[in-house]
Amino acid sequence: MENSGWTMRQPALPSSILYLLSSLFFLPGCGAPNQENIRLRKLNQDLQAKLEQCHTQVESDKQTIAGLVRRSPMIPMLPPEELEKLWVTHGLKFGRFTGGYQIDRGKPGDQGVQVYIVPADENAMSIQAAGSFVVEAFDLADPHDTRLGRWTWDTVQAKKEWREFLVDYTYVLKCPWQRVPAHPDVTIRVTFTDELTHIPYSAEHVVHVKPPPPSATQPAAR
C-alpha cells in the first residue's frame, strides 16, 4: 500500500516498563563499589602518608645536620672513595682481659676497671687507629644511681696507652672507681672517635668485678 504522506509512529512504551528498566540500574551489586578497590585505595593512601612523613623526617634531619655544620668548625676529611682505600675504623673490639683490677694488692676487692679495647676494620680485624676515648661504667642493678664514673682520653693521651699484650696490640685504659659499685656486674660503654674520619664508634660490654666491702670504702669512725 502506497504511503500517502503520513508516517507510522512506534507505539510508546508504557510508563511501568520504563520504570522497570530504570530500576535495573539501581539493583544491589550493579553499581556497588568494589571492596578490593576500596582496600587498595586505602592502602595507597596509607603508603602516601608514610612517604610524606619520611620525606618530612629527611628534610628535618638535613636541617639539623646543616645547623650542626654551621655551628662547628669545618674539619678537612678525605672523601669516601679515598677512605675505602685505607684501613679505617668500622667498630670496636673488647679484649678478654677487660674487667676489674687491683691497684693496691693489700686492699680487698677491685679498685677499678681496666678496659682492653682496639679499633677494628670492616673485616673485624684489629687495627692501630688513633683517636680519643670516653669510658663510662654503670651498675644497672642499682635502683638509685647507676653511673659509676666517666673517664676521658684525648688522642695524645690515648696514644700513650697503646700496649703490646701477649701477641696482641691494644689500648689499655685504667679507670679507678669514681663511685664504688654495689653489685658485681658492671656495664662498660666505650666511645672512640677516630682521628682520621672524626666518626664516633661505641660498644658496650658487661664485666664481673669484685666490689670492695663497704668498710673498705668508708672512713674509719673516730
N, C-alpha and C. Protein backbone atom coordinates (compact mmCIF):
# COMPACT_ATOMS: atom_id res chain seq x y z
N MET A 1 0.85 -1.20 0.00
CA MET A 1 0.00 0.00 0.00
C MET A 1 0.88 1.23 0.00
N GLU A 2 0.62 2.22 -0.87
CA GLU A 2 1.45 3.40 -1.05
C GLU A 2 1.26 4.36 0.11
N ASN A 3 2.41 4.90 0.51
CA ASN A 3 2.39 5.87 1.62
C ASN A 3 1.78 7.16 1.12
N SER A 4 0.81 7.66 1.81
CA SER A 4 0.07 8.85 1.38
C SER A 4 0.40 10.06 2.20
N GLY A 5 1.79 10.17 2.60
CA GLY A 5 2.21 11.39 3.29
C GLY A 5 2.19 11.29 4.78
N TRP A 6 1.83 10.25 5.30
CA TRP A 6 1.85 10.13 6.77
C TRP A 6 2.79 9.02 7.16
N THR A 7 3.39 9.11 8.33
CA THR A 7 4.38 8.13 8.84
C THR A 7 3.78 7.40 9.99
N MET A 8 4.25 6.17 10.11
CA MET A 8 3.79 5.33 11.24
C MET A 8 4.67 5.62 12.46
N ARG A 9 4.08 5.85 13.57
CA ARG A 9 4.81 6.08 14.83
C ARG A 9 4.89 4.78 15.63
N GLN A 10 6.14 4.63 16.26
CA GLN A 10 6.29 3.47 17.14
C GLN A 10 5.42 3.67 18.37
N PRO A 11 4.77 2.64 18.79
CA PRO A 11 3.95 2.79 19.99
C PRO A 11 4.80 3.11 21.20
N ALA A 12 4.40 4.08 22.01
CA ALA A 12 5.15 4.46 23.22
C ALA A 12 5.12 3.35 24.25
N LEU A 13 6.30 3.20 24.94
CA LEU A 13 6.36 2.18 25.99
C LEU A 13 5.56 2.63 27.18
N PRO A 14 4.89 1.71 27.74
CA PRO A 14 4.14 2.06 28.96
C PRO A 14 5.07 2.56 30.04
N SER A 15 4.57 3.46 30.89
CA SER A 15 5.40 4.03 31.96
C SER A 15 5.88 2.98 32.93
N SER A 16 5.11 1.91 33.10
CA SER A 16 5.52 0.85 34.03
C SER A 16 6.76 0.14 33.54
N ILE A 17 6.90 -0.02 32.20
CA ILE A 17 8.10 -0.68 31.66
C ILE A 17 9.31 0.24 31.80
N LEU A 18 9.10 1.55 31.54
CA LEU A 18 10.21 2.49 31.72
C LEU A 18 10.71 2.50 33.16
N TYR A 19 9.82 2.46 34.07
CA TYR A 19 10.20 2.44 35.48
C TYR A 19 11.01 1.18 35.81
N LEU A 20 10.58 0.04 35.21
CA LEU A 20 11.27 -1.22 35.47
C LEU A 20 12.68 -1.18 34.92
N LEU A 21 12.84 -0.63 33.68
CA LEU A 21 14.18 -0.56 33.09
C LEU A 21 15.11 0.35 33.88
N SER A 22 14.56 1.49 34.32
CA SER A 22 15.41 2.42 35.08
C SER A 22 15.81 1.86 36.43
N SER A 23 14.96 1.06 37.03
CA SER A 23 15.28 0.50 38.34
C SER A 23 16.36 -0.55 38.27
N LEU A 24 16.57 -1.13 37.05
CA LEU A 24 17.61 -2.15 36.93
C LEU A 24 18.99 -1.57 37.23
N PHE A 25 19.16 -0.27 36.96
CA PHE A 25 20.46 0.35 37.23
C PHE A 25 20.75 0.50 38.70
N PHE A 26 19.77 0.36 39.52
CA PHE A 26 19.94 0.56 40.96
C PHE A 26 19.79 -0.73 41.74
N LEU A 27 19.82 -1.87 41.05
CA LEU A 27 19.74 -3.14 41.76
C LEU A 27 21.01 -3.33 42.60
N PRO A 28 20.93 -4.00 43.75
CA PRO A 28 22.10 -4.23 44.60
C PRO A 28 23.17 -4.97 43.82
N GLY A 29 24.43 -4.46 43.90
CA GLY A 29 25.56 -5.11 43.26
C GLY A 29 25.89 -4.54 41.91
N CYS A 30 24.93 -3.92 41.21
CA CYS A 30 25.22 -3.42 39.87
C CYS A 30 26.17 -2.23 39.93
N GLY A 31 25.93 -1.28 40.84
CA GLY A 31 26.79 -0.12 40.93
C GLY A 31 27.54 -0.04 42.25
N ALA A 32 27.56 -1.11 43.02
CA ALA A 32 28.20 -1.09 44.34
C ALA A 32 29.72 -1.00 44.18
N PRO A 33 30.43 -0.25 45.05
CA PRO A 33 31.89 -0.14 44.97
C PRO A 33 32.54 -1.50 45.20
N ASN A 34 33.64 -1.74 44.47
CA ASN A 34 34.39 -2.98 44.62
C ASN A 34 35.21 -2.93 45.90
N GLN A 35 35.06 -3.96 46.73
CA GLN A 35 35.75 -3.96 48.02
C GLN A 35 37.27 -4.01 47.85
N GLU A 36 37.76 -4.72 46.85
CA GLU A 36 39.20 -4.79 46.62
C GLU A 36 39.76 -3.43 46.23
N ASN A 37 38.98 -2.68 45.41
CA ASN A 37 39.41 -1.34 45.05
C ASN A 37 39.46 -0.42 46.26
N ILE A 38 38.47 -0.58 47.13
CA ILE A 38 38.47 0.23 48.35
C ILE A 38 39.70 -0.08 49.20
N ARG A 39 40.04 -1.38 49.32
CA ARG A 39 41.20 -1.77 50.12
C ARG A 39 42.50 -1.23 49.52
N LEU A 40 42.63 -1.34 48.18
CA LEU A 40 43.82 -0.84 47.52
C LEU A 40 43.93 0.67 47.63
N ARG A 41 42.77 1.36 47.52
CA ARG A 41 42.79 2.81 47.64
C ARG A 41 43.23 3.23 49.05
N LYS A 42 42.74 2.53 50.05
CA LYS A 42 43.13 2.86 51.43
C LYS A 42 44.62 2.54 51.66
N LEU A 43 45.09 1.42 51.10
CA LEU A 43 46.50 1.08 51.23
C LEU A 43 47.38 2.12 50.57
N ASN A 44 46.96 2.60 49.41
CA ASN A 44 47.70 3.64 48.71
C ASN A 44 47.74 4.93 49.51
N GLN A 45 46.62 5.27 50.13
CA GLN A 45 46.59 6.48 50.95
C GLN A 45 47.52 6.36 52.15
N ASP A 46 47.54 5.16 52.79
CA ASP A 46 48.42 4.94 53.93
C ASP A 46 49.88 5.04 53.52
N LEU A 47 50.23 4.43 52.38
CA LEU A 47 51.61 4.48 51.90
C LEU A 47 52.01 5.91 51.55
N GLN A 48 51.09 6.65 50.97
CA GLN A 48 51.38 8.04 50.63
C GLN A 48 51.62 8.87 51.88
N ALA A 49 50.83 8.60 52.93
CA ALA A 49 51.02 9.33 54.19
C ALA A 49 52.37 9.01 54.81
N LYS A 50 52.75 7.71 54.78
CA LYS A 50 54.05 7.32 55.33
C LYS A 50 55.19 7.92 54.53
N LEU A 51 55.03 7.96 53.21
CA LEU A 51 56.07 8.56 52.36
C LEU A 51 56.25 10.03 52.68
N GLU A 52 55.15 10.74 52.87
CA GLU A 52 55.25 12.15 53.22
C GLU A 52 55.89 12.34 54.59
N GLN A 53 55.57 11.43 55.51
CA GLN A 53 56.18 11.51 56.83
C GLN A 53 57.69 11.28 56.76
N CYS A 54 58.11 10.29 55.95
CA CYS A 54 59.55 10.04 55.79
C CYS A 54 60.24 11.23 55.13
N HIS A 55 59.57 11.81 54.15
CA HIS A 55 60.15 12.98 53.49
C HIS A 55 60.33 14.12 54.47
N THR A 56 59.33 14.32 55.31
CA THR A 56 59.43 15.38 56.32
C THR A 56 60.58 15.11 57.29
N GLN A 57 60.74 13.84 57.69
CA GLN A 57 61.81 13.50 58.62
C GLN A 57 63.18 13.70 57.98
N VAL A 58 63.31 13.33 56.69
CA VAL A 58 64.58 13.52 55.99
C VAL A 58 64.92 15.00 55.90
N GLU A 59 63.95 15.82 55.57
CA GLU A 59 64.20 17.26 55.49
C GLU A 59 64.58 17.82 56.84
N SER A 60 63.94 17.32 57.90
CA SER A 60 64.28 17.78 59.24
C SER A 60 65.71 17.38 59.61
N ASP A 61 66.10 16.14 59.24
CA ASP A 61 67.46 15.70 59.52
C ASP A 61 68.48 16.53 58.75
N LYS A 62 68.14 16.88 57.51
CA LYS A 62 69.05 17.71 56.72
C LYS A 62 69.26 19.06 57.39
N GLN A 63 68.17 19.64 57.89
CA GLN A 63 68.28 20.94 58.55
C GLN A 63 69.11 20.84 59.82
N THR A 64 68.92 19.74 60.56
CA THR A 64 69.70 19.54 61.79
C THR A 64 71.18 19.42 61.49
N ILE A 65 71.51 18.61 60.48
CA ILE A 65 72.91 18.43 60.11
C ILE A 65 73.51 19.74 59.63
N ALA A 66 72.75 20.47 58.83
CA ALA A 66 73.25 21.75 58.34
C ALA A 66 73.51 22.72 59.50
N GLY A 67 72.62 22.71 60.48
CA GLY A 67 72.81 23.58 61.64
C GLY A 67 74.05 23.21 62.43
N LEU A 68 74.28 21.90 62.60
CA LEU A 68 75.46 21.46 63.33
C LEU A 68 76.74 21.83 62.59
N VAL A 69 76.70 21.71 61.26
CA VAL A 69 77.87 22.07 60.47
C VAL A 69 78.17 23.56 60.58
N ARG A 70 77.11 24.38 60.59
CA ARG A 70 77.32 25.83 60.70
C ARG A 70 77.90 26.21 62.05
N ARG A 71 77.51 25.48 63.10
CA ARG A 71 78.00 25.81 64.44
C ARG A 71 79.37 25.22 64.72
N SER A 72 79.78 24.21 63.97
CA SER A 72 81.05 23.54 64.22
C SER A 72 82.07 23.97 63.19
N PRO A 73 83.33 24.03 63.58
CA PRO A 73 84.37 24.36 62.60
C PRO A 73 84.49 23.25 61.57
N MET A 74 84.76 23.64 60.34
CA MET A 74 84.92 22.67 59.27
C MET A 74 86.23 21.93 59.44
N ILE A 75 86.17 20.59 59.48
CA ILE A 75 87.35 19.75 59.63
C ILE A 75 87.61 19.06 58.31
N PRO A 76 88.80 19.21 57.74
CA PRO A 76 89.07 18.56 56.46
C PRO A 76 89.00 17.05 56.59
N MET A 77 88.32 16.41 55.63
CA MET A 77 88.17 14.95 55.63
C MET A 77 88.40 14.41 54.24
N LEU A 78 88.91 13.19 54.20
CA LEU A 78 89.06 12.53 52.91
C LEU A 78 87.70 12.12 52.38
N PRO A 79 87.50 12.16 51.07
CA PRO A 79 86.22 11.70 50.51
C PRO A 79 86.08 10.19 50.70
N PRO A 80 84.83 9.68 50.66
CA PRO A 80 84.60 8.25 50.91
C PRO A 80 85.39 7.33 50.00
N GLU A 81 85.54 7.72 48.71
CA GLU A 81 86.28 6.83 47.79
C GLU A 81 87.74 6.72 48.16
N GLU A 82 88.30 7.75 48.83
CA GLU A 82 89.67 7.67 49.30
C GLU A 82 89.78 6.86 50.59
N LEU A 83 88.77 7.01 51.45
CA LEU A 83 88.78 6.25 52.70
C LEU A 83 88.68 4.75 52.45
N GLU A 84 87.98 4.37 51.38
CA GLU A 84 87.84 2.95 51.07
C GLU A 84 89.18 2.29 50.75
N LYS A 85 90.17 3.08 50.41
CA LYS A 85 91.49 2.52 50.10
C LYS A 85 92.33 2.29 51.35
N LEU A 86 91.88 2.82 52.48
CA LEU A 86 92.67 2.78 53.70
C LEU A 86 92.08 1.80 54.70
N TRP A 87 92.92 1.46 55.70
CA TRP A 87 92.41 0.68 56.83
C TRP A 87 91.84 1.69 57.82
N VAL A 88 90.53 1.76 57.91
CA VAL A 88 89.88 2.71 58.80
C VAL A 88 88.95 1.97 59.75
N THR A 89 88.60 2.65 60.82
CA THR A 89 87.77 2.05 61.87
C THR A 89 86.34 1.84 61.39
N HIS A 90 85.82 0.67 61.72
CA HIS A 90 84.41 0.37 61.48
C HIS A 90 83.71 -0.10 62.75
N GLY A 91 84.48 -0.28 63.83
CA GLY A 91 83.89 -0.75 65.08
C GLY A 91 84.97 -0.94 66.13
N LEU A 92 84.57 -1.50 67.27
CA LEU A 92 85.47 -1.72 68.40
C LEU A 92 85.38 -3.16 68.86
N LYS A 93 86.49 -3.64 69.42
CA LYS A 93 86.53 -4.99 69.98
C LYS A 93 87.10 -4.92 71.39
N PHE A 94 86.41 -5.56 72.34
CA PHE A 94 86.92 -5.65 73.71
C PHE A 94 87.88 -6.83 73.83
N GLY A 95 88.94 -6.62 74.60
CA GLY A 95 89.85 -7.72 74.89
C GLY A 95 89.29 -8.60 76.01
N ARG A 96 89.72 -9.85 76.03
CA ARG A 96 89.15 -10.79 77.00
C ARG A 96 89.58 -10.50 78.44
N PHE A 97 90.59 -9.65 78.62
CA PHE A 97 91.03 -9.33 79.98
C PHE A 97 90.38 -8.06 80.52
N THR A 98 89.41 -7.52 79.83
CA THR A 98 88.66 -6.38 80.34
C THR A 98 87.91 -6.79 81.61
N GLY A 99 88.06 -6.02 82.67
CA GLY A 99 87.39 -6.36 83.93
C GLY A 99 87.98 -5.57 85.09
N GLY A 100 87.70 -6.04 86.30
CA GLY A 100 88.20 -5.35 87.49
C GLY A 100 89.70 -5.53 87.65
N TYR A 101 90.31 -4.58 88.33
CA TYR A 101 91.75 -4.69 88.62
C TYR A 101 92.03 -4.10 89.99
N GLN A 102 93.12 -4.52 90.56
CA GLN A 102 93.53 -4.07 91.89
C GLN A 102 94.76 -3.19 91.77
N ILE A 103 94.64 -1.97 92.26
CA ILE A 103 95.79 -1.07 92.29
C ILE A 103 96.67 -1.41 93.48
N ASP A 104 96.04 -1.63 94.61
CA ASP A 104 96.74 -1.96 95.85
C ASP A 104 96.36 -3.39 96.23
N ARG A 105 97.31 -4.29 96.13
CA ARG A 105 97.04 -5.69 96.44
C ARG A 105 96.72 -5.90 97.91
N GLY A 106 97.07 -4.94 98.75
CA GLY A 106 96.80 -5.09 100.16
C GLY A 106 95.37 -4.76 100.55
N LYS A 107 94.59 -4.25 99.62
CA LYS A 107 93.21 -3.90 99.91
C LYS A 107 92.26 -4.92 99.26
N PRO A 108 91.16 -5.23 99.94
CA PRO A 108 90.24 -6.21 99.38
C PRO A 108 89.42 -5.64 98.22
N GLY A 109 89.06 -6.51 97.27
CA GLY A 109 88.20 -6.09 96.18
C GLY A 109 88.95 -5.33 95.09
N ASP A 110 88.23 -5.06 94.01
CA ASP A 110 88.80 -4.31 92.90
C ASP A 110 88.69 -2.82 93.17
N GLN A 111 89.72 -2.11 92.74
CA GLN A 111 89.71 -0.65 92.92
C GLN A 111 89.31 0.09 91.64
N GLY A 112 88.94 -0.66 90.62
CA GLY A 112 88.51 -0.03 89.38
C GLY A 112 88.38 -1.07 88.29
N VAL A 113 88.20 -0.60 87.07
CA VAL A 113 88.13 -1.50 85.91
C VAL A 113 89.20 -1.07 84.92
N GLN A 114 89.72 -2.04 84.20
CA GLN A 114 90.64 -1.75 83.11
C GLN A 114 90.02 -2.31 81.83
N VAL A 115 90.09 -1.50 80.79
CA VAL A 115 89.41 -1.81 79.54
C VAL A 115 90.46 -2.08 78.47
N TYR A 116 90.44 -3.27 77.94
CA TYR A 116 91.26 -3.62 76.77
C TYR A 116 90.37 -3.43 75.54
N ILE A 117 90.71 -2.46 74.72
CA ILE A 117 89.85 -2.11 73.60
C ILE A 117 90.71 -1.79 72.38
N VAL A 118 90.25 -2.21 71.21
CA VAL A 118 91.01 -1.97 69.99
C VAL A 118 90.04 -1.67 68.85
N PRO A 119 90.35 -0.69 68.01
CA PRO A 119 89.52 -0.46 66.82
C PRO A 119 89.64 -1.64 65.85
N ALA A 120 88.58 -1.83 65.07
CA ALA A 120 88.54 -2.92 64.09
C ALA A 120 88.06 -2.40 62.75
N ASP A 121 88.55 -3.02 61.67
CA ASP A 121 88.15 -2.60 60.34
C ASP A 121 86.86 -3.30 59.92
N GLU A 122 86.49 -3.19 58.64
CA GLU A 122 85.23 -3.77 58.17
C GLU A 122 85.23 -5.28 58.20
N ASN A 123 86.43 -5.89 58.33
CA ASN A 123 86.54 -7.35 58.42
C ASN A 123 86.71 -7.82 59.85
N ALA A 124 86.48 -6.91 60.82
CA ALA A 124 86.61 -7.22 62.25
C ALA A 124 88.05 -7.54 62.62
N MET A 125 89.01 -7.04 61.85
CA MET A 125 90.42 -7.21 62.16
C MET A 125 90.92 -6.00 62.94
N SER A 126 91.73 -6.25 63.95
CA SER A 126 92.26 -5.17 64.78
C SER A 126 93.21 -4.29 63.98
N ILE A 127 93.08 -2.98 64.18
CA ILE A 127 93.98 -2.02 63.52
C ILE A 127 94.42 -0.99 64.54
N GLN A 128 95.58 -0.40 64.29
CA GLN A 128 96.08 0.65 65.18
C GLN A 128 95.60 1.99 64.65
N ALA A 129 94.43 2.39 65.12
CA ALA A 129 93.84 3.67 64.70
C ALA A 129 93.96 4.67 65.84
N ALA A 130 94.28 5.90 65.50
CA ALA A 130 94.40 6.95 66.50
C ALA A 130 93.05 7.60 66.73
N GLY A 131 92.83 8.02 67.97
CA GLY A 131 91.58 8.69 68.30
C GLY A 131 91.45 8.92 69.79
N SER A 132 90.34 9.50 70.17
CA SER A 132 90.06 9.80 71.58
C SER A 132 89.06 8.80 72.14
N PHE A 133 89.06 8.66 73.48
CA PHE A 133 88.19 7.69 74.14
C PHE A 133 87.38 8.36 75.24
N VAL A 134 86.16 7.84 75.40
CA VAL A 134 85.34 8.13 76.58
C VAL A 134 84.86 6.78 77.11
N VAL A 135 85.14 6.51 78.38
CA VAL A 135 84.72 5.26 79.01
C VAL A 135 83.72 5.61 80.12
N GLU A 136 82.60 4.91 80.12
CA GLU A 136 81.59 5.07 81.15
C GLU A 136 81.30 3.71 81.77
N ALA A 137 81.05 3.72 83.08
CA ALA A 137 80.73 2.48 83.79
C ALA A 137 79.41 2.66 84.52
N PHE A 138 78.61 1.58 84.53
CA PHE A 138 77.27 1.64 85.13
C PHE A 138 77.01 0.38 85.96
N ASP A 139 76.37 0.59 87.08
CA ASP A 139 75.83 -0.50 87.89
C ASP A 139 74.33 -0.50 87.66
N LEU A 140 73.89 -1.25 86.67
CA LEU A 140 72.48 -1.18 86.27
C LEU A 140 71.54 -1.80 87.29
N ALA A 141 72.08 -2.56 88.24
CA ALA A 141 71.24 -3.15 89.27
C ALA A 141 70.97 -2.18 90.42
N ASP A 142 71.64 -1.04 90.41
CA ASP A 142 71.43 -0.04 91.46
C ASP A 142 70.14 0.73 91.15
N PRO A 143 69.15 0.70 92.04
CA PRO A 143 67.88 1.37 91.73
C PRO A 143 67.95 2.89 91.86
N HIS A 144 69.01 3.42 92.44
CA HIS A 144 69.07 4.86 92.71
C HIS A 144 69.96 5.60 91.72
N ASP A 145 71.19 5.17 91.57
CA ASP A 145 72.13 5.86 90.70
C ASP A 145 73.00 4.81 90.01
N THR A 146 72.84 4.67 88.71
CA THR A 146 73.55 3.61 88.01
C THR A 146 74.97 4.01 87.58
N ARG A 147 75.23 5.29 87.45
CA ARG A 147 76.54 5.72 86.94
C ARG A 147 77.63 5.53 87.99
N LEU A 148 78.71 4.90 87.56
CA LEU A 148 79.86 4.68 88.44
C LEU A 148 81.01 5.62 88.12
N GLY A 149 81.05 6.13 86.92
CA GLY A 149 82.14 7.04 86.57
C GLY A 149 82.22 7.29 85.09
N ARG A 150 83.01 8.30 84.73
CA ARG A 150 83.25 8.66 83.33
C ARG A 150 84.69 9.12 83.22
N TRP A 151 85.43 8.53 82.28
CA TRP A 151 86.84 8.81 82.11
C TRP A 151 87.10 9.15 80.65
N THR A 152 88.00 10.09 80.40
CA THR A 152 88.25 10.54 79.03
C THR A 152 89.76 10.54 78.74
N TRP A 153 90.09 10.31 77.48
CA TRP A 153 91.45 10.40 76.97
C TRP A 153 91.38 11.11 75.62
N ASP A 154 92.16 12.17 75.44
CA ASP A 154 92.23 12.75 74.10
C ASP A 154 93.17 11.90 73.26
N THR A 155 93.36 12.30 72.01
CA THR A 155 94.15 11.47 71.10
C THR A 155 95.59 11.31 71.57
N VAL A 156 96.18 12.37 72.09
CA VAL A 156 97.57 12.30 72.56
C VAL A 156 97.67 11.40 73.79
N GLN A 157 96.75 11.55 74.73
CA GLN A 157 96.77 10.71 75.93
C GLN A 157 96.51 9.25 75.59
N ALA A 158 95.57 9.01 74.68
CA ALA A 158 95.25 7.62 74.32
C ALA A 158 96.43 6.94 73.65
N LYS A 159 97.18 7.68 72.86
CA LYS A 159 98.33 7.08 72.18
C LYS A 159 99.32 6.49 73.18
N LYS A 160 99.42 7.10 74.34
CA LYS A 160 100.34 6.60 75.36
C LYS A 160 99.85 5.30 76.00
N GLU A 161 98.57 4.96 75.80
CA GLU A 161 98.01 3.75 76.41
C GLU A 161 97.99 2.57 75.43
N TRP A 162 98.62 2.73 74.26
CA TRP A 162 98.71 1.63 73.30
C TRP A 162 99.75 0.64 73.80
N ARG A 163 99.37 -0.62 73.91
CA ARG A 163 100.23 -1.63 74.52
C ARG A 163 100.34 -2.87 73.63
N GLU A 164 101.45 -3.55 73.79
CA GLU A 164 101.59 -4.90 73.25
C GLU A 164 101.30 -5.86 74.39
N PHE A 165 100.28 -6.67 74.25
CA PHE A 165 99.88 -7.58 75.32
C PHE A 165 99.85 -9.00 74.74
N LEU A 166 100.77 -9.84 75.24
CA LEU A 166 100.95 -11.19 74.70
C LEU A 166 101.26 -11.06 73.20
N VAL A 167 100.37 -11.53 72.33
CA VAL A 167 100.62 -11.41 70.89
C VAL A 167 99.72 -10.36 70.26
N ASP A 168 99.02 -9.61 71.07
CA ASP A 168 98.07 -8.62 70.57
C ASP A 168 98.56 -7.21 70.89
N TYR A 169 98.04 -6.27 70.10
CA TYR A 169 98.23 -4.86 70.38
C TYR A 169 96.86 -4.28 70.70
N THR A 170 96.80 -3.47 71.73
CA THR A 170 95.50 -2.96 72.18
C THR A 170 95.70 -1.71 73.02
N TYR A 171 94.64 -0.95 73.15
CA TYR A 171 94.61 0.11 74.13
C TYR A 171 94.24 -0.49 75.48
N VAL A 172 94.92 -0.06 76.54
CA VAL A 172 94.60 -0.49 77.89
C VAL A 172 94.26 0.77 78.69
N LEU A 173 93.00 0.92 79.05
CA LEU A 173 92.51 2.12 79.72
C LEU A 173 92.12 1.76 81.14
N LYS A 174 92.83 2.33 82.12
CA LYS A 174 92.57 2.05 83.52
C LYS A 174 91.62 3.11 84.08
N CYS A 175 90.58 2.63 84.77
CA CYS A 175 89.52 3.52 85.27
C CYS A 175 89.28 3.23 86.75
N PRO A 176 89.96 3.95 87.65
CA PRO A 176 89.68 3.76 89.09
C PRO A 176 88.26 4.22 89.42
N TRP A 177 87.66 3.54 90.39
CA TRP A 177 86.26 3.86 90.73
C TRP A 177 86.10 5.33 91.06
N GLN A 178 85.11 5.95 90.46
CA GLN A 178 84.65 7.26 90.93
C GLN A 178 83.50 7.06 91.92
N ARG A 179 82.78 5.98 91.75
CA ARG A 179 81.79 5.54 92.73
C ARG A 179 81.83 4.02 92.75
N VAL A 180 81.96 3.45 93.94
CA VAL A 180 82.13 2.00 94.08
C VAL A 180 80.82 1.29 93.76
N PRO A 181 80.84 0.25 92.92
CA PRO A 181 79.60 -0.46 92.61
C PRO A 181 79.12 -1.28 93.81
N ALA A 182 77.82 -1.46 93.87
CA ALA A 182 77.23 -2.28 94.93
C ALA A 182 76.99 -3.71 94.46
N HIS A 183 77.16 -3.96 93.16
CA HIS A 183 76.89 -5.28 92.60
C HIS A 183 78.06 -5.70 91.72
N PRO A 184 78.24 -6.99 91.51
CA PRO A 184 79.43 -7.46 90.78
C PRO A 184 79.36 -7.26 89.26
N ASP A 185 78.17 -7.11 88.68
CA ASP A 185 78.07 -6.94 87.24
C ASP A 185 78.08 -5.46 86.89
N VAL A 186 79.08 -5.07 86.11
CA VAL A 186 79.26 -3.68 85.72
C VAL A 186 79.23 -3.59 84.20
N THR A 187 78.45 -2.63 83.69
CA THR A 187 78.36 -2.41 82.24
C THR A 187 79.33 -1.31 81.84
N ILE A 188 80.18 -1.65 80.87
CA ILE A 188 81.17 -0.70 80.36
C ILE A 188 80.73 -0.22 78.98
N ARG A 189 80.73 1.09 78.79
CA ARG A 189 80.45 1.67 77.48
C ARG A 189 81.65 2.48 77.04
N VAL A 190 82.17 2.16 75.86
CA VAL A 190 83.34 2.86 75.32
C VAL A 190 82.94 3.57 74.04
N THR A 191 83.31 4.84 73.94
CA THR A 191 83.10 5.61 72.71
C THR A 191 84.46 6.07 72.20
N PHE A 192 84.76 5.67 70.99
CA PHE A 192 86.03 6.01 70.35
C PHE A 192 85.74 6.91 69.15
N THR A 193 86.38 8.07 69.09
CA THR A 193 86.23 8.98 67.96
C THR A 193 87.50 8.92 67.13
N ASP A 194 87.38 8.39 65.93
CA ASP A 194 88.53 8.21 65.05
C ASP A 194 89.11 9.55 64.64
N GLU A 195 90.42 9.69 64.77
CA GLU A 195 91.09 10.95 64.45
C GLU A 195 91.10 11.21 62.95
N LEU A 196 91.07 10.18 62.14
CA LEU A 196 91.13 10.35 60.70
C LEU A 196 89.77 10.72 60.11
N THR A 197 88.74 9.97 60.50
CA THR A 197 87.41 10.20 59.92
C THR A 197 86.52 11.06 60.79
N HIS A 198 86.91 11.25 62.07
CA HIS A 198 86.12 12.02 63.04
C HIS A 198 84.74 11.38 63.28
N ILE A 199 84.64 10.09 63.06
CA ILE A 199 83.39 9.37 63.28
C ILE A 199 83.45 8.67 64.64
N PRO A 200 82.44 8.84 65.50
CA PRO A 200 82.44 8.14 66.79
C PRO A 200 81.90 6.71 66.66
N TYR A 201 82.49 5.80 67.40
CA TYR A 201 82.04 4.41 67.45
C TYR A 201 81.88 4.03 68.92
N SER A 202 80.80 3.32 69.23
CA SER A 202 80.52 2.93 70.61
C SER A 202 80.32 1.43 70.70
N ALA A 203 80.67 0.90 71.87
CA ALA A 203 80.47 -0.53 72.14
C ALA A 203 80.27 -0.69 73.64
N GLU A 204 79.49 -1.70 74.02
CA GLU A 204 79.22 -1.98 75.43
C GLU A 204 79.63 -3.41 75.76
N HIS A 205 79.97 -3.59 77.03
CA HIS A 205 80.43 -4.90 77.47
C HIS A 205 80.13 -5.01 78.97
N VAL A 206 79.65 -6.16 79.40
CA VAL A 206 79.37 -6.40 80.82
C VAL A 206 80.53 -7.20 81.40
N VAL A 207 81.07 -6.72 82.51
CA VAL A 207 82.19 -7.40 83.16
C VAL A 207 81.79 -7.76 84.59
N HIS A 208 82.47 -8.75 85.12
CA HIS A 208 82.23 -9.20 86.50
C HIS A 208 83.38 -8.70 87.35
N VAL A 209 83.08 -7.94 88.39
CA VAL A 209 84.10 -7.36 89.26
C VAL A 209 83.87 -7.81 90.70
N LYS A 210 84.85 -7.50 91.53
CA LYS A 210 84.75 -7.80 92.96
C LYS A 210 84.67 -6.47 93.70
N PRO A 211 83.46 -6.02 94.04
CA PRO A 211 83.35 -4.75 94.76
C PRO A 211 84.01 -4.84 96.13
N PRO A 212 84.75 -3.83 96.52
CA PRO A 212 85.33 -3.85 97.86
C PRO A 212 84.22 -3.78 98.90
N PRO A 213 84.42 -4.36 100.07
CA PRO A 213 83.37 -4.29 101.11
C PRO A 213 83.15 -2.85 101.55
N PRO A 214 81.94 -2.54 102.03
CA PRO A 214 81.64 -1.16 102.44
C PRO A 214 82.61 -0.62 103.46
N SER A 215 83.12 -1.45 104.34
CA SER A 215 84.04 -0.98 105.36
C SER A 215 85.35 -0.47 104.76
N ALA A 216 85.69 -0.98 103.56
CA ALA A 216 86.93 -0.57 102.94
C ALA A 216 86.80 0.75 102.22
N THR A 217 85.58 1.19 101.95
CA THR A 217 85.38 2.44 101.21
C THR A 217 84.88 3.57 102.08
N GLN A 218 84.65 3.29 103.38
CA GLN A 218 84.16 4.32 104.28
C GLN A 218 85.27 4.72 105.25
N PRO A 219 85.33 6.00 105.61
CA PRO A 219 86.35 6.43 106.58
C PRO A 219 86.09 5.80 107.94
N ALA A 220 87.17 5.49 108.63
CA ALA A 220 87.04 4.85 109.95
C ALA A 220 86.42 5.83 110.94
N ALA A 221 85.56 5.29 111.80
CA ALA A 221 84.89 6.12 112.81
C ALA A 221 85.89 6.50 113.90
N ARG A 222 85.79 7.72 114.33
CA ARG A 222 86.67 8.20 115.40
C ARG A 222 86.16 7.75 116.74
